[in-house]
Amino acid sequence: MIFNRNIVLEDSRILLRPVEPNDRDGLRSIFFDDEIWEYTVTKTSTEDELTTFINDALYNKQNAVRYTFTIIDKISGEIAGSSSFGNLSEIDRCVEIGWSFMGRKFWGTHVNIHAKFQMLQFAFEQMKMNRVEFKTDDANPRSGRALIKIGCKKEGVLRSRHLLHNGRMRDTAYYSILADEWENTKETVFAKLL
């Protein structure tokens, strides 16, 4: 199984590596900002919740459930956020990219597009996936725009699909990129990164 390997993805601007216990301080400065949790199912805003996040990331990697990366901005040297591969179906050749959080200072910067390119390239070219999917709160316009910007197609919305940490029922929008779309997406959307 691919998740049992040590996966490191990088280019000249970002580094994605597995979450480590010593990421705590860098993640704390991001996760303890309430604004990043507005549209999410869970919320990590206490030391205990941060410990749980790190322990879950380590457990999920070891047990091939989910592969959580720490994203490091090489320009500043800071931890910029986190993103994961999950819901892997090797039979269907499908994986989800999600559980993504960026520090507010990295919103709208190079970090997200570089990180998503590295993850998509790995999913299609190394994992040989047929489909990479993404989910987001349909009420979150910033996230939806970011997914369209990286070449995703919006497939639809599952109404009242997830209960958020704040008690609101989330309408979950589904997006995807397919293997037969990847080369064109890579050469157009990500052309500047090649």
C-alpha atoms as a PDB file:
ATOM      1  CA  MET A   1       0.000   0.000   0.000  1.00  0.00           C
ATOM      2  CA  ILE A   2       1.298   3.415  -1.007  1.00  0.00           C
ATOM      3  CA  PHE A   3       0.490   5.068   2.348  1.00  0.00           C
ATOM      4  CA  ASN A   4       3.002   2.825   4.136  1.00  0.00           C
ATOM      5  CA  ARG A   5       5.882   4.575   2.364  1.00  0.00           C
ATOM      6  CA  ASN A   6       7.605   7.748   3.446  1.00  0.00           C
ATOM      7  CA  ILE A   7       6.309  10.258   0.893  1.00  0.00           C
ATOM      8  CA  VAL A   8       8.066  13.597   0.468  1.00  0.00           C
ATOM      9  CA  LEU A   9       6.911  15.969  -2.274  1.00  0.00           C
ATOM     10  CA  GLU A  10       8.628  19.225  -3.132  1.00  0.00           C
ATOM     11  CA  ASP A  11       9.514  21.840  -5.660  1.00  0.00           C
ATOM     12  CA  SER A  12      11.514  25.058  -5.409  1.00  0.00           C
ATOM     13  CA  ARG A  13       8.842  26.798  -3.291  1.00  0.00           C
ATOM     14  CA  ILE A  14       7.215  24.209  -1.021  1.00  0.00           C
ATOM     15  CA  LEU A  15       7.916  20.956   0.788  1.00  0.00           C
ATOM     16  CA  LEU A  16       5.296  18.403   1.804  1.00  0.00           C
ATOM     17  CA  ARG A  17       6.434  15.777   4.280  1.00  0.00           C
ATOM     18  CA  PRO A  18       4.618  13.563   6.777  1.00  0.00           C
ATOM     19  CA  VAL A  19       3.378  15.294   9.930  1.00  0.00           C
ATOM     20  CA  GLU A  20       5.839  14.905  12.803  1.00  0.00           C
ATOM     21  CA  PRO A  21       5.393  15.495  16.546  1.00  0.00           C
ATOM     22  CA  ASN A  22       7.828  18.422  16.415  1.00  0.00           C
ATOM     23  CA  ASP A  23       5.472  20.263  14.019  1.00  0.00           C
ATOM     24  CA  ARG A  24       3.371  21.229  17.058  1.00  0.00           C
ATOM     25  CA  ASP A  25       4.568  24.841  17.371  1.00  0.00           C
ATOM     26  CA  GLY A  26       4.211  25.646  13.679  1.00  0.00           C
ATOM     27  CA  LEU A  27       0.791  24.011  13.469  1.00  0.00           C
ATOM     28  CA  ARG A  28      -0.376  25.723  16.668  1.00  0.00           C
ATOM     29  CA  SER A  29       0.052  29.172  15.147  1.00  0.00           C
ATOM     30  CA  ILE A  30      -2.187  28.102  12.253  1.00  0.00           C
ATOM     31  CA  PHE A  31      -4.738  25.906  13.981  1.00  0.00           C
ATOM     32  CA  PHE A  32      -5.487  28.270  16.845  1.00  0.00           C
ATOM     33  CA  ASP A  33      -6.908  30.832  14.394  1.00  0.00           C
ATOM     34  CA  ASP A  34     -10.688  30.379  14.621  1.00  0.00           C
ATOM     35  CA  GLU A  35     -11.267  31.756  11.117  1.00  0.00           C
ATOM     36  CA  ILE A  36      -9.757  28.696   9.396  1.00  0.00           C
ATOM     37  CA  TRP A  37     -12.377  26.437  11.023  1.00  0.00           C
ATOM     38  CA  GLU A  38     -15.473  28.336   9.856  1.00  0.00           C
ATOM     39  CA  TYR A  39     -16.437  25.715   7.248  1.00  0.00           C
ATOM     40  CA  THR A  40     -14.956  22.545   8.728  1.00  0.00           C
ATOM     41  CA  VAL A  41     -16.376  19.438  10.334  1.00  0.00           C
ATOM     42  CA  THR A  42     -13.800  19.425  13.126  1.00  0.00           C
ATOM     43  CA  LYS A  43     -11.959  22.179  14.948  1.00  0.00           C
ATOM     44  CA  THR A  44      -8.480  22.071  16.431  1.00  0.00           C
ATOM     45  CA  SER A  45      -8.130  24.949  18.872  1.00  0.00           C
ATOM     46  CA  THR A  46      -6.773  23.513  22.130  1.00  0.00           C
ATOM     47  CA  GLU A  47      -3.513  21.820  23.066  1.00  0.00           C
ATOM     48  CA  ASP A  48      -5.362  18.521  23.565  1.00  0.00           C
ATOM     49  CA  GLU A  49      -6.991  18.773  20.128  1.00  0.00           C
ATOM     50  CA  LEU A  50      -3.611  19.559  18.564  1.00  0.00           C
ATOM     51  CA  THR A  51      -2.134  16.487  20.252  1.00  0.00           C
ATOM     52  CA  THR A  52      -5.044  14.429  18.908  1.00  0.00           C
ATOM     53  CA  PHE A  53      -4.495  15.819  15.388  1.00  0.00           C
ATOM     54  CA  ILE A  54      -0.801  14.864  15.432  1.00  0.00           C
ATOM     55  CA  ASN A  55      -1.426  11.442  17.002  1.00  0.00           C
ATOM     56  CA  ASP A  56      -4.217  10.719  14.511  1.00  0.00           C
ATOM     57  CA  ALA A  57      -1.952  11.720  11.607  1.00  0.00           C
ATOM     58  CA  LEU A  58       0.766   9.348  12.827  1.00  0.00           C
ATOM     59  CA  TYR A  59      -1.710   6.513  13.481  1.00  0.00           C
ATOM     60  CA  ASN A  60      -3.485   6.977  10.139  1.00  0.00           C
ATOM     61  CA  LYS A  61      -0.180   6.900   8.240  1.00  0.00           C
ATOM     62  CA  GLN A  62       0.999   3.791  10.071  1.00  0.00           C
ATOM     63  CA  ASN A  63      -2.322   2.049   9.406  1.00  0.00           C
ATOM     64  CA  ALA A  64      -2.684   3.286   5.809  1.00  0.00           C
ATOM     65  CA  VAL A  65      -5.928   5.151   6.530  1.00  0.00           C
ATOM     66  CA  ARG A  66      -4.899   8.684   5.604  1.00  0.00           C
ATOM     67  CA  TYR A  67      -1.589  10.317   4.713  1.00  0.00           C
ATOM     68  CA  THR A  68      -1.259  13.760   6.286  1.00  0.00           C
ATOM     69  CA  PHE A  69       1.415  16.175   5.146  1.00  0.00           C
ATOM     70  CA  THR A  70       2.881  19.214   6.805  1.00  0.00           C
ATOM     71  CA  ILE A  71       3.307  21.896   4.144  1.00  0.00           C
ATOM     72  CA  ILE A  72       6.417  24.032   4.516  1.00  0.00           C
ATOM     73  CA  ASP A  73       6.887  27.263   2.601  1.00  0.00           C
ATOM     74  CA  LYS A  74      10.520  27.163   1.490  1.00  0.00           C
ATOM     75  CA  ILE A  75      10.624  30.926   0.977  1.00  0.00           C
ATOM     76  CA  SER A  76       9.896  31.767   4.628  1.00  0.00           C
ATOM     77  CA  GLY A  77      10.896  28.415   6.122  1.00  0.00           C
ATOM     78  CA  GLU A  78       7.592  28.358   8.005  1.00  0.00           C
ATOM     79  CA  ILE A  79       4.949  25.684   8.305  1.00  0.00           C
ATOM     80  CA  ALA A  80       2.202  26.961   6.009  1.00  0.00           C
ATOM     81  CA  GLY A  81      -0.440  24.309   6.642  1.00  0.00           C
ATOM     82  CA  SER A  82      -1.430  20.707   6.180  1.00  0.00           C
ATOM     83  CA  SER A  83      -3.162  18.560   3.564  1.00  0.00           C
ATOM     84  CA  SER A  84      -3.903  14.855   3.232  1.00  0.00           C
ATOM     85  CA  PHE A  85      -4.543  11.958   0.927  1.00  0.00           C
ATOM     86  CA  GLY A  86      -7.439   9.855   2.188  1.00  0.00           C
ATOM     87  CA  ASN A  87     -10.347   7.625   1.240  1.00  0.00           C
ATOM     88  CA  LEU A  88      -8.042   5.630  -1.021  1.00  0.00           C
ATOM     89  CA  SER A  89      -9.671   2.931  -3.124  1.00  0.00           C
ATOM     90  CA  GLU A  90      -6.970   1.001  -4.951  1.00  0.00           C
ATOM     91  CA  ILE A  91      -9.616  -1.105  -6.719  1.00  0.00           C
ATOM     92  CA  ASP A  92     -11.385   1.988  -8.088  1.00  0.00           C
ATOM     93  CA  ARG A  93      -8.086   3.884  -8.448  1.00  0.00           C
ATOM     94  CA  CYS A  94      -9.549   6.841  -6.586  1.00  0.00           C
ATOM     95  CA  VAL A  95      -8.157   9.018  -3.802  1.00  0.00           C
ATOM     96  CA  GLU A  96      -9.337  12.159  -2.063  1.00  0.00           C
ATOM     97  CA  ILE A  97      -7.172  15.195  -1.384  1.00  0.00           C
ATOM     98  CA  GLY A  98      -8.510  17.115   1.550  1.00  0.00           C
ATOM     99  CA  TRP A  99      -8.378  17.898   5.243  1.00  0.00           C
ATOM    100  CA  SER A 100      -6.434  20.949   4.065  1.00  0.00           C
ATOM    101  CA  PHE A 101      -5.655  23.932   6.257  1.00  0.00           C
ATOM    102  CA  MET A 102      -3.478  26.926   5.421  1.00  0.00           C
ATOM    103  CA  GLY A 103      -2.336  29.639   7.761  1.00  0.00           C
ATOM    104  CA  ARG A 104      -4.122  32.877   7.012  1.00  0.00           C
ATOM    105  CA  LYS A 105      -0.873  34.596   5.956  1.00  0.00           C
ATOM    106  CA  PHE A 106      -0.551  31.977   3.181  1.00  0.00           C
ATOM    107  CA  TRP A 107      -4.069  32.413   1.776  1.00  0.00           C
ATOM    108  CA  GLY A 108      -3.892  33.536  -1.836  1.00  0.00           C
ATOM    109  CA  THR A 109      -0.149  32.870  -2.100  1.00  0.00           C
ATOM    110  CA  HIS A 110       1.838  30.335  -4.111  1.00  0.00           C
ATOM    111  CA  VAL A 111       1.542  27.695  -1.377  1.00  0.00           C
ATOM    112  CA  ASN A 112      -1.818  26.102  -2.217  1.00  0.00           C
ATOM    113  CA  ILE A 113      -1.303  25.784  -5.965  1.00  0.00           C
ATOM    114  CA  HIS A 114       2.200  24.361  -5.513  1.00  0.00           C
ATOM    115  CA  ALA A 115       1.040  21.898  -2.846  1.00  0.00           C
ATOM    116  CA  LYS A 116      -1.966  20.744  -4.861  1.00  0.00           C
ATOM    117  CA  PHE A 117       0.176  20.335  -7.981  1.00  0.00           C
ATOM    118  CA  GLN A 118       2.645  18.139  -6.111  1.00  0.00           C
ATOM    119  CA  MET A 119      -0.172  16.029  -4.658  1.00  0.00           C
ATOM    120  CA  LEU A 120      -2.046  15.719  -7.961  1.00  0.00           C
ATOM    121  CA  GLN A 121       1.109  14.835  -9.857  1.00  0.00           C
ATOM    122  CA  PHE A 122       1.922  12.148  -7.292  1.00  0.00           C
ATOM    123  CA  ALA A 123      -1.642  10.789  -7.350  1.00  0.00           C
ATOM    124  CA  PHE A 124      -1.842  10.511 -11.129  1.00  0.00           C
ATOM    125  CA  GLU A 125       1.760   9.730 -12.060  1.00  0.00           C
ATOM    126  CA  GLN A 126       2.988   7.628  -9.130  1.00  0.00           C
ATOM    127  CA  MET A 127      -0.160   6.184  -7.561  1.00  0.00           C
ATOM    128  CA  LYS A 128      -1.741   5.759 -11.028  1.00  0.00           C
ATOM    129  CA  MET A 129      -5.126   7.013  -9.855  1.00  0.00           C
ATOM    130  CA  ASN A 130      -8.014   7.353 -12.279  1.00  0.00           C
ATOM    131  CA  ARG A 131      -9.810   9.935 -10.148  1.00  0.00           C
ATOM    132  CA  VAL A 132      -8.766  12.497  -7.556  1.00  0.00           C
ATOM    133  CA  GLU A 133     -11.624  14.040  -5.642  1.00  0.00           C
ATOM    134  CA  PHE A 134     -12.100  16.958  -3.311  1.00  0.00           C
ATOM    135  CA  LYS A 135     -14.930  17.962  -0.978  1.00  0.00           C
ATOM    136  CA  THR A 136     -15.711  21.356   0.495  1.00  0.00           C
ATOM    137  CA  ASP A 137     -18.497  23.282   2.147  1.00  0.00           C
ATOM    138  CA  ASP A 138     -20.668  24.653  -0.649  1.00  0.00           C
ATOM    139  CA  ALA A 139     -21.000  27.847   1.415  1.00  0.00           C
ATOM    140  CA  ASN A 140     -17.224  28.413   1.263  1.00  0.00           C
ATOM    141  CA  PRO A 141     -16.623  30.490  -1.875  1.00  0.00           C
ATOM    142  CA  ARG A 142     -12.838  30.783  -1.370  1.00  0.00           C
ATOM    143  CA  SER A 143     -12.380  27.012  -1.306  1.00  0.00           C
ATOM    144  CA  GLY A 144     -14.630  26.450  -4.317  1.00  0.00           C
ATOM    145  CA  ARG A 145     -12.744  29.065  -6.343  1.00  0.00           C
ATOM    146  CA  ALA A 146      -9.402  27.522  -5.362  1.00  0.00           C
ATOM    147  CA  LEU A 147     -10.548  24.096  -6.585  1.00  0.00           C
ATOM    148  CA  ILE A 148     -11.799  25.472  -9.908  1.00  0.00           C
ATOM    149  CA  LYS A 149      -8.492  27.363 -10.253  1.00  0.00           C
ATOM    150  CA  ILE A 150      -6.520  24.099 -10.063  1.00  0.00           C
ATOM    151  CA  GLY A 151      -8.633  22.493 -12.777  1.00  0.00           C
ATOM    152  CA  CYS A 152     -11.309  20.659 -10.809  1.00  0.00           C
ATOM    153  CA  LYS A 153     -14.802  20.162 -12.152  1.00  0.00           C
ATOM    154  CA  LYS A 154     -17.680  20.684  -9.739  1.00  0.00           C
ATOM    155  CA  GLU A 155     -19.795  17.544  -9.808  1.00  0.00           C
ATOM    156  CA  GLY A 156     -22.614  18.424  -7.481  1.00  0.00           C
ATOM    157  CA  VAL A 157     -23.708  19.042  -3.925  1.00  0.00           C
ATOM    158  CA  LEU A 158     -24.867  16.600  -1.269  1.00  0.00           C
ATOM    159  CA  ARG A 159     -27.294  18.572   0.860  1.00  0.00           C
ATOM    160  CA  SER A 160     -26.994  18.471   4.662  1.00  0.00           C
ATOM    161  CA  ARG A 161     -24.146  15.959   4.323  1.00  0.00           C
ATOM    162  CA  HIS A 162     -21.916  16.802   7.302  1.00  0.00           C
ATOM    163  CA  LEU A 163     -22.496  18.176  10.776  1.00  0.00           C
ATOM    164  CA  LEU A 164     -19.965  20.908  11.500  1.00  0.00           C
ATOM    165  CA  HIS A 165     -18.299  21.489  14.864  1.00  0.00           C
ATOM    166  CA  ASN A 166     -20.530  24.549  15.329  1.00  0.00           C
ATOM    167  CA  GLY A 167     -23.770  22.577  14.874  1.00  0.00           C
ATOM    168  CA  ARG A 168     -24.536  23.721  11.313  1.00  0.00           C
ATOM    169  CA  MET A 169     -25.350  21.082   8.696  1.00  0.00           C
ATOM    170  CA  ARG A 170     -22.993  21.458   5.750  1.00  0.00           C
ATOM    171  CA  ASP A 171     -23.971  21.085   2.119  1.00  0.00           C
ATOM    172  CA  THR A 172     -20.889  19.323   0.728  1.00  0.00           C
ATOM    173  CA  ALA A 173     -19.732  20.169  -2.793  1.00  0.00           C
ATOM    174  CA  TYR A 174     -17.828  17.467  -4.681  1.00  0.00           C
ATOM    175  CA  TYR A 175     -15.096  18.254  -7.200  1.00  0.00           C
ATOM    176  CA  SER A 176     -12.732  16.034  -9.176  1.00  0.00           C
ATOM    177  CA  ILE A 177     -10.035  15.705 -11.788  1.00  0.00           C
ATOM    178  CA  LEU A 178      -9.845  12.513 -13.870  1.00  0.00           C
ATOM    179  CA  ALA A 179      -6.752  10.816 -15.246  1.00  0.00           C
ATOM    180  CA  ASP A 180      -7.722  11.576 -18.837  1.00  0.00           C
ATOM    181  CA  GLU A 181      -7.931  15.284 -17.892  1.00  0.00           C
ATOM    182  CA  TRP A 182      -4.622  15.386 -16.019  1.00  0.00           C
ATOM    183  CA  GLU A 183      -2.165  16.030 -18.874  1.00  0.00           C
ATOM    184  CA  ASN A 184      -4.206  18.953 -20.188  1.00  0.00           C
ATOM    185  CA  THR A 185      -4.693  20.321 -16.660  1.00  0.00           C
ATOM    186  CA  LYS A 186      -0.983  19.966 -15.968  1.00  0.00           C
ATOM    187  CA  GLU A 187      -0.002  21.747 -19.198  1.00  0.00           C
ATOM    188  CA  THR A 188      -2.510  24.593 -18.823  1.00  0.00           C
ATOM    189  CA  VAL A 189      -3.383  25.257 -15.181  1.00  0.00           C
ATOM    190  CA  PHE A 190       0.036  24.305 -13.836  1.00  0.00           C
ATOM    191  CA  ALA A 191       2.151  25.365 -16.854  1.00  0.00           C
ATOM    192  CA  LYS A 192       4.088  27.965 -14.853  1.00  0.00           C
ATOM    193  CA  LEU A 193       5.138  25.300 -12.350  1.00  0.00           C
ATOM    194  CA  LEU A 194       6.675  22.962 -14.937  1.00  0.00           C
END
